[in-house]
């Protein structure tokens, strides 16, 4: 069938776009992203020129007609890691959902796909999420949603829970759609993280560079698992997955994922390893920009393999 045309908002580095395009049924024809560095990574991998304007300044008649509108609207306002201010977020991030709705109302796409943090469901005792669902229903959409963990639904050793919302104009397509079933995690940490190889010296922790190195040295004993420095202690993830990657993990200090290499050294993950843990293929281009930006982009992104499985189910429903 002819590929369905997609408008991608808050496109980031294109994780959602990639998962949809991997089905061969979707094609992104417009992408909007405010972060210039994220757009560099996006444009290194897609034949789409990113619109860098603030979404609030873009009008629906400036973007193409489409079959799908999708986006992971900013989650900081709803995240457990943030201030959980929701729609009242002082930076206006919580209201960006309604900016997307301007385009949904004007373009009336066949499908709407949204992604956000798990905490969105319970924010403000469920009121925030109820408003989102009611808004989509008023725009004419039949909606299903589910919280999925990457380790259970994407065969990626990454403990990352996210809420996924899918809306259909057509009620029959809505009824046919089901979220994917859990699958067994077979991919090991050693397949996405190089515990044995050498990496650039800047990724290693040393007594000279790290004031809490003695505690790391004492408590990090295994060479096949992920550790985190938690302000005053070391925590080992004993479930053989990586804890949720965060946007600020490249700035050092709290919550940075760490490993003990086979030769006994301690280091943080490389940006490429972080993208591996988000399900990006090894040929996904990481441009020559600051590692701090690449860590942020990985932490803000989605798990591509989970998106691909959901997109496959959307294709099944509309066919």
Protein backbone atom coordinates (compact mmCIF):
# COMPACT_ATOMS: atom_id res chain seq x y z
CA UNK A 1 0.00 0.00 0.00
CA UNK A 2 1.05 3.63 -0.37
CA UNK A 3 3.00 4.84 2.61
CA UNK A 4 1.09 6.85 5.20
CA UNK A 5 2.37 10.40 5.57
CA UNK A 6 3.53 11.40 9.06
CA UNK A 7 3.90 14.74 10.82
CA UNK A 8 6.41 14.38 13.67
CA UNK A 9 6.32 16.91 16.52
CA UNK A 10 8.93 17.12 19.30
CA UNK A 11 10.84 14.82 16.96
CA UNK A 12 14.06 14.69 18.99
CA UNK A 13 16.55 12.47 17.21
CA UNK A 14 13.80 10.56 15.40
CA UNK A 15 13.28 7.48 17.57
CA UNK A 16 9.52 7.39 17.00
CA UNK A 17 9.95 8.18 13.30
CA UNK A 18 12.46 5.37 12.93
CA UNK A 19 10.26 2.79 14.61
CA UNK A 20 7.36 3.70 12.32
CA UNK A 21 9.48 3.82 9.17
CA UNK A 22 10.96 0.39 9.93
CA UNK A 23 7.51 -1.08 9.21
CA UNK A 24 7.82 0.21 5.58
CA UNK A 25 4.26 1.56 5.91
CA UNK A 26 4.98 5.10 7.15
CA UNK A 27 7.02 8.05 5.89
CA UNK A 28 7.78 11.24 7.82
CA UNK A 29 7.09 14.27 5.62
CA UNK A 30 7.51 16.97 8.27
CA UNK A 31 9.45 17.13 11.54
CA UNK A 32 9.44 19.87 14.17
CA UNK A 33 12.07 20.05 16.90
CA UNK A 34 13.14 23.07 18.96
CA UNK A 35 16.54 21.66 20.03
CA UNK A 36 19.12 22.53 17.37
CA UNK A 37 21.56 19.79 18.42
CA UNK A 38 18.85 17.13 18.31
CA UNK A 39 17.95 18.32 14.82
CA UNK A 40 21.56 17.77 13.71
CA UNK A 41 21.32 14.12 14.73
CA UNK A 42 17.87 13.83 13.13
CA UNK A 43 19.01 15.28 9.82
CA UNK A 44 22.05 12.98 9.83
CA UNK A 45 19.66 10.02 9.59
CA UNK A 46 16.53 11.22 7.73
CA UNK A 47 15.92 12.99 4.43
CA UNK A 48 13.79 15.61 6.16
CA UNK A 49 14.75 19.18 6.93
CA UNK A 50 13.76 19.84 10.55
CA UNK A 51 11.58 22.86 11.28
CA UNK A 52 13.37 24.43 14.25
CA UNK A 53 10.66 26.93 15.09
CA UNK A 54 8.83 26.90 18.40
CA UNK A 55 5.67 24.87 17.76
CA UNK A 56 3.61 27.74 19.20
CA UNK A 57 4.64 29.90 16.21
CA UNK A 58 3.81 27.33 13.51
CA UNK A 59 0.37 27.34 11.88
CA UNK A 60 -1.36 24.26 10.47
CA UNK A 61 -1.47 25.68 6.94
CA UNK A 62 2.35 25.74 6.95
CA UNK A 63 2.69 21.96 7.24
CA UNK A 64 1.66 19.20 4.81
CA UNK A 65 -1.54 17.21 4.98
CA UNK A 66 -0.99 13.85 6.61
CA UNK A 67 -2.31 10.47 7.70
CA UNK A 68 -0.55 10.39 11.09
CA UNK A 69 0.40 12.98 13.70
CA UNK A 70 2.79 11.76 16.35
CA UNK A 71 5.07 13.04 19.05
CA UNK A 72 6.55 12.54 22.48
CA UNK A 73 5.48 15.89 23.88
CA UNK A 74 7.86 17.17 26.59
CA UNK A 75 7.62 15.11 29.74
CA UNK A 76 9.56 17.15 32.30
CA UNK A 77 6.37 18.71 33.64
CA UNK A 78 4.95 15.25 34.43
CA UNK A 79 8.10 13.29 35.27
CA UNK A 80 8.88 11.87 38.70
CA UNK A 81 12.37 13.24 38.12
CA UNK A 82 11.01 16.75 37.54
CA UNK A 83 8.72 19.00 39.54
CA UNK A 84 5.49 17.29 38.43
CA UNK A 85 3.76 20.58 37.78
CA UNK A 86 1.92 19.27 34.72
CA UNK A 87 -0.21 21.79 32.85
CA UNK A 88 0.93 24.44 35.36
CA UNK A 89 4.61 23.99 34.52
CA UNK A 90 6.25 27.43 34.77
CA UNK A 91 8.16 26.90 31.52
CA UNK A 92 4.98 26.10 29.61
CA UNK A 93 6.04 22.56 28.74
CA UNK A 94 2.87 20.98 30.08
CA UNK A 95 0.70 22.92 27.66
CA UNK A 96 2.56 21.77 24.56
CA UNK A 97 0.11 18.87 24.25
CA UNK A 98 -2.55 21.42 23.31
CA UNK A 99 -0.24 22.86 20.65
CA UNK A 100 -0.22 19.43 19.03
CA UNK A 101 -3.99 19.42 19.22
CA UNK A 102 -4.15 22.50 16.99
CA UNK A 103 -2.63 20.42 14.21
CA UNK A 104 -4.74 17.36 14.98
CA UNK A 105 -7.91 19.47 14.78
CA UNK A 106 -6.85 21.13 11.53
CA UNK A 107 -5.42 18.08 9.73
CA UNK A 108 -7.76 15.39 11.09
CA UNK A 109 -5.23 12.58 10.58
CA UNK A 110 -6.28 8.98 10.45
CA UNK A 111 -4.05 8.11 13.41
CA UNK A 112 -2.61 9.98 16.42
CA UNK A 113 0.33 8.52 18.34
CA UNK A 114 1.65 10.02 21.61
CA UNK A 115 4.36 8.97 24.05
CA UNK A 116 5.19 10.22 27.54
CA UNK A 117 6.45 9.22 30.97
CA UNK A 118 4.59 6.62 32.99
CA UNK A 119 3.83 9.19 35.67
CA UNK A 120 1.52 11.06 33.28
CA UNK A 121 -1.22 8.52 34.08
CA UNK A 122 -1.33 9.32 37.79
CA UNK A 123 -0.40 13.00 37.66
CA UNK A 124 -2.75 15.22 39.69
CA UNK A 125 -4.72 12.15 40.79
CA UNK A 126 -5.41 11.21 37.18
CA UNK A 127 -6.93 14.56 36.24
CA UNK A 128 -4.20 15.49 33.74
CA UNK A 129 -4.48 12.22 31.85
CA UNK A 130 -8.28 12.41 31.86
CA UNK A 131 -8.10 15.86 30.23
CA UNK A 132 -5.77 14.50 27.55
CA UNK A 133 -8.09 11.60 26.74
CA UNK A 134 -11.20 13.80 26.74
CA UNK A 135 -9.49 16.31 24.46
CA UNK A 136 -8.60 13.62 21.93
CA UNK A 137 -12.12 12.20 22.08
CA UNK A 138 -13.62 15.66 21.44
CA UNK A 139 -11.40 15.88 18.36
CA UNK A 140 -13.02 12.70 17.09
CA UNK A 141 -10.60 9.97 18.14
CA UNK A 142 -11.13 6.55 19.67
CA UNK A 143 -8.20 6.06 22.04
CA UNK A 144 -6.30 3.16 23.57
CA UNK A 145 -3.30 3.50 25.88
CA UNK A 146 -0.89 1.30 27.80
CA UNK A 147 2.28 1.54 29.88
CA UNK A 148 5.00 -0.65 28.38
CA UNK A 149 8.45 -1.46 29.75
CA UNK A 150 11.24 -1.77 27.17
CA UNK A 151 12.65 -4.89 28.79
CA UNK A 152 9.31 -6.66 28.46
CA UNK A 153 8.14 -5.36 25.09
CA UNK A 154 11.26 -4.37 23.14
CA UNK A 155 13.80 -7.14 23.87
CA UNK A 156 16.18 -4.47 25.12
CA UNK A 157 17.89 -4.77 28.55
CA UNK A 158 16.65 -1.36 29.65
CA UNK A 159 14.12 -0.82 32.43
CA UNK A 160 12.22 2.04 30.80
CA UNK A 161 8.46 2.42 31.34
CA UNK A 162 6.50 4.78 29.12
CA UNK A 163 2.83 5.49 28.39
CA UNK A 164 1.80 5.06 24.75
CA UNK A 165 -1.44 6.55 23.44
CA UNK A 166 -2.92 5.58 20.08
CA UNK A 167 -5.99 7.28 18.60
CA UNK A 168 -7.95 6.23 15.52
CA UNK A 169 -10.53 8.17 13.53
CA UNK A 170 -12.08 4.92 12.32
CA UNK A 171 -13.82 2.95 15.05
CA UNK A 172 -13.26 -0.39 13.26
CA UNK A 173 -9.51 0.24 13.12
CA UNK A 174 -9.64 1.22 16.79
CA UNK A 175 -11.38 -2.06 17.68
CA UNK A 176 -8.89 -4.14 15.70
CA UNK A 177 -5.86 -2.50 17.29
CA UNK A 178 -4.21 -4.20 20.25
CA UNK A 179 -0.96 -3.30 21.93
CA UNK A 180 1.80 -5.90 21.47
CA UNK A 181 2.12 -8.76 23.93
CA UNK A 182 5.13 -9.13 26.23
CA UNK A 183 8.10 -10.99 24.81
CA UNK A 184 10.99 -12.76 26.50
CA UNK A 185 14.12 -10.67 27.04
CA UNK A 186 16.90 -12.51 25.25
CA UNK A 187 19.31 -9.64 24.52
CA UNK A 188 22.01 -9.37 27.16
CA UNK A 189 23.76 -6.27 28.46
CA UNK A 190 26.99 -7.59 26.96
CA UNK A 191 25.41 -7.33 23.49
CA UNK A 192 24.81 -3.58 23.78
CA UNK A 193 27.64 -2.57 26.15
CA UNK A 194 31.30 -3.38 25.54
CA UNK A 195 32.57 -4.63 28.89
CA UNK A 196 35.79 -5.97 27.35
CA UNK A 197 36.90 -3.37 24.80
CA UNK A 198 38.84 -0.15 25.19
CA UNK A 199 37.09 3.20 24.83
CA UNK A 200 38.34 6.77 24.92
CA UNK A 201 40.13 7.64 28.16
CA UNK A 202 37.64 10.42 28.95
CA UNK A 203 34.95 7.85 29.80
CA UNK A 204 36.96 6.26 32.64
CA UNK A 205 36.74 7.25 36.29
CA UNK A 206 40.00 7.63 38.24
CA UNK A 207 40.87 8.67 41.80
CA UNK A 208 42.09 11.99 40.44
CA UNK A 209 38.86 12.78 38.56
CA UNK A 210 36.31 11.36 41.00
CA UNK A 211 36.05 12.28 44.68
CA UNK A 212 33.95 9.19 45.50
CA UNK A 213 36.17 6.77 43.56
CA UNK A 214 37.04 4.74 46.68
CA UNK A 215 33.38 3.80 47.16
CA UNK A 216 33.05 2.83 43.50
CA UNK A 217 36.19 0.72 43.71
CA UNK A 218 34.92 -1.07 46.82
CA UNK A 219 31.34 -1.75 45.76
CA UNK A 220 31.57 -2.29 41.98
CA UNK A 221 32.71 -5.91 41.77
CA UNK A 222 30.86 -7.50 38.83
CA UNK A 223 31.89 -7.07 35.20
CA UNK A 224 28.55 -7.81 33.54
CA UNK A 225 26.08 -5.51 35.23
CA UNK A 226 25.16 -1.81 35.59
CA UNK A 227 25.84 0.31 38.63
CA UNK A 228 24.75 3.83 39.54
CA UNK A 229 26.19 6.38 41.93
CA UNK A 230 23.24 7.52 44.09
CA UNK A 231 24.61 10.68 45.76
CA UNK A 232 26.11 8.82 48.74
CA UNK A 233 26.13 5.11 47.78
CA UNK A 234 26.56 2.71 44.89
CA UNK A 235 23.55 0.78 43.64
CA UNK A 236 23.84 -2.35 41.53
CA UNK A 237 21.00 -3.24 39.17
CA UNK A 238 20.58 -6.94 39.89
CA UNK A 239 17.90 -7.57 37.27
CA UNK A 240 20.51 -7.59 34.48
CA UNK A 241 19.09 -4.50 32.78
CA UNK A 242 20.10 -0.86 32.67
CA UNK A 243 18.08 1.55 34.82
CA UNK A 244 16.15 4.25 32.98
CA UNK A 245 18.52 6.51 31.08
CA UNK A 246 18.09 10.19 31.87
CA UNK A 247 18.73 13.36 29.91
CA UNK A 248 21.26 14.69 32.42
CA UNK A 249 23.42 11.55 32.70
CA UNK A 250 26.18 13.23 30.68
CA UNK A 251 26.70 16.00 33.21
CA UNK A 252 28.30 13.71 35.81
CA UNK A 253 27.42 13.00 39.43
CA UNK A 254 24.06 11.55 40.37
CA UNK A 255 22.44 8.59 38.54
CA UNK A 256 25.11 8.11 35.87
CA UNK A 257 25.14 4.45 34.72
CA UNK A 258 28.56 2.90 35.40
CA UNK A 259 30.25 -0.39 34.59
CA UNK A 260 33.29 -2.32 35.80
CA UNK A 261 35.15 -3.46 32.70
CA UNK A 262 36.68 -6.89 32.29
CA UNK A 263 40.15 -5.42 32.91
CA UNK A 264 38.95 -3.91 36.21
CA UNK A 265 38.51 -0.26 35.27
CA UNK A 266 35.41 1.83 36.05
CA UNK A 267 33.73 3.90 33.37
CA UNK A 268 30.45 5.46 32.32
CA UNK A 269 28.60 4.31 29.23
CA UNK A 270 29.52 5.86 25.92
CA UNK A 271 26.87 7.77 23.92
CA UNK A 272 26.78 4.91 21.40
CA UNK A 273 26.04 2.42 24.17
CA UNK A 274 23.21 4.65 25.40
CA UNK A 275 21.72 4.72 21.91
CA UNK A 276 22.11 0.92 21.79
CA UNK A 277 20.07 0.72 24.99
CA UNK A 278 17.36 2.76 23.26
CA UNK A 279 17.13 0.19 20.47
CA UNK A 280 18.76 2.29 17.76
CA UNK A 281 20.57 0.24 15.11
CA UNK A 282 24.36 0.29 15.07
CA UNK A 283 24.37 2.17 11.76
CA UNK A 284 22.42 5.08 13.24
CA UNK A 285 24.66 8.10 12.72
CA UNK A 286 25.83 10.01 15.80
CA UNK A 287 27.17 13.34 14.52
CA UNK A 288 30.30 15.07 15.70
CA UNK A 289 28.76 17.15 18.47
CA UNK A 290 29.39 17.35 22.21
CA UNK A 291 28.90 14.10 24.14
CA UNK A 292 26.80 16.05 26.64
CA UNK A 293 24.28 16.70 23.86
CA UNK A 294 24.38 13.06 22.71
CA UNK A 295 23.73 11.81 26.25
CA UNK A 296 20.82 14.23 26.54
CA UNK A 297 19.41 13.07 23.20
CA UNK A 298 19.64 9.40 24.18
CA UNK A 299 18.03 10.07 27.57
CA UNK A 300 15.19 12.03 25.99
CA UNK A 301 14.52 9.49 23.26
CA UNK A 302 12.33 6.41 23.01
CA UNK A 303 13.10 2.71 22.71
CA UNK A 304 12.87 2.17 18.96
CA UNK A 305 12.13 -1.56 19.17
CA UNK A 306 9.04 -0.89 21.32
CA UNK A 307 7.82 1.78 18.88
CA UNK A 308 8.32 -0.63 15.96
CA UNK A 309 6.18 -3.30 17.62
CA UNK A 310 3.36 -0.82 18.30
CA UNK A 311 3.59 0.50 14.74
CA UNK A 312 3.35 -3.07 13.43
CA UNK A 313 0.10 -3.51 15.36
CA UNK A 314 -1.24 -0.24 13.92
CA UNK A 315 -0.48 -1.55 10.42
CA UNK A 316 -2.33 -4.80 11.24
CA UNK A 317 -5.35 -2.83 12.46
CA UNK A 318 -5.64 -0.55 9.44
CA UNK A 319 -5.11 -3.40 6.97
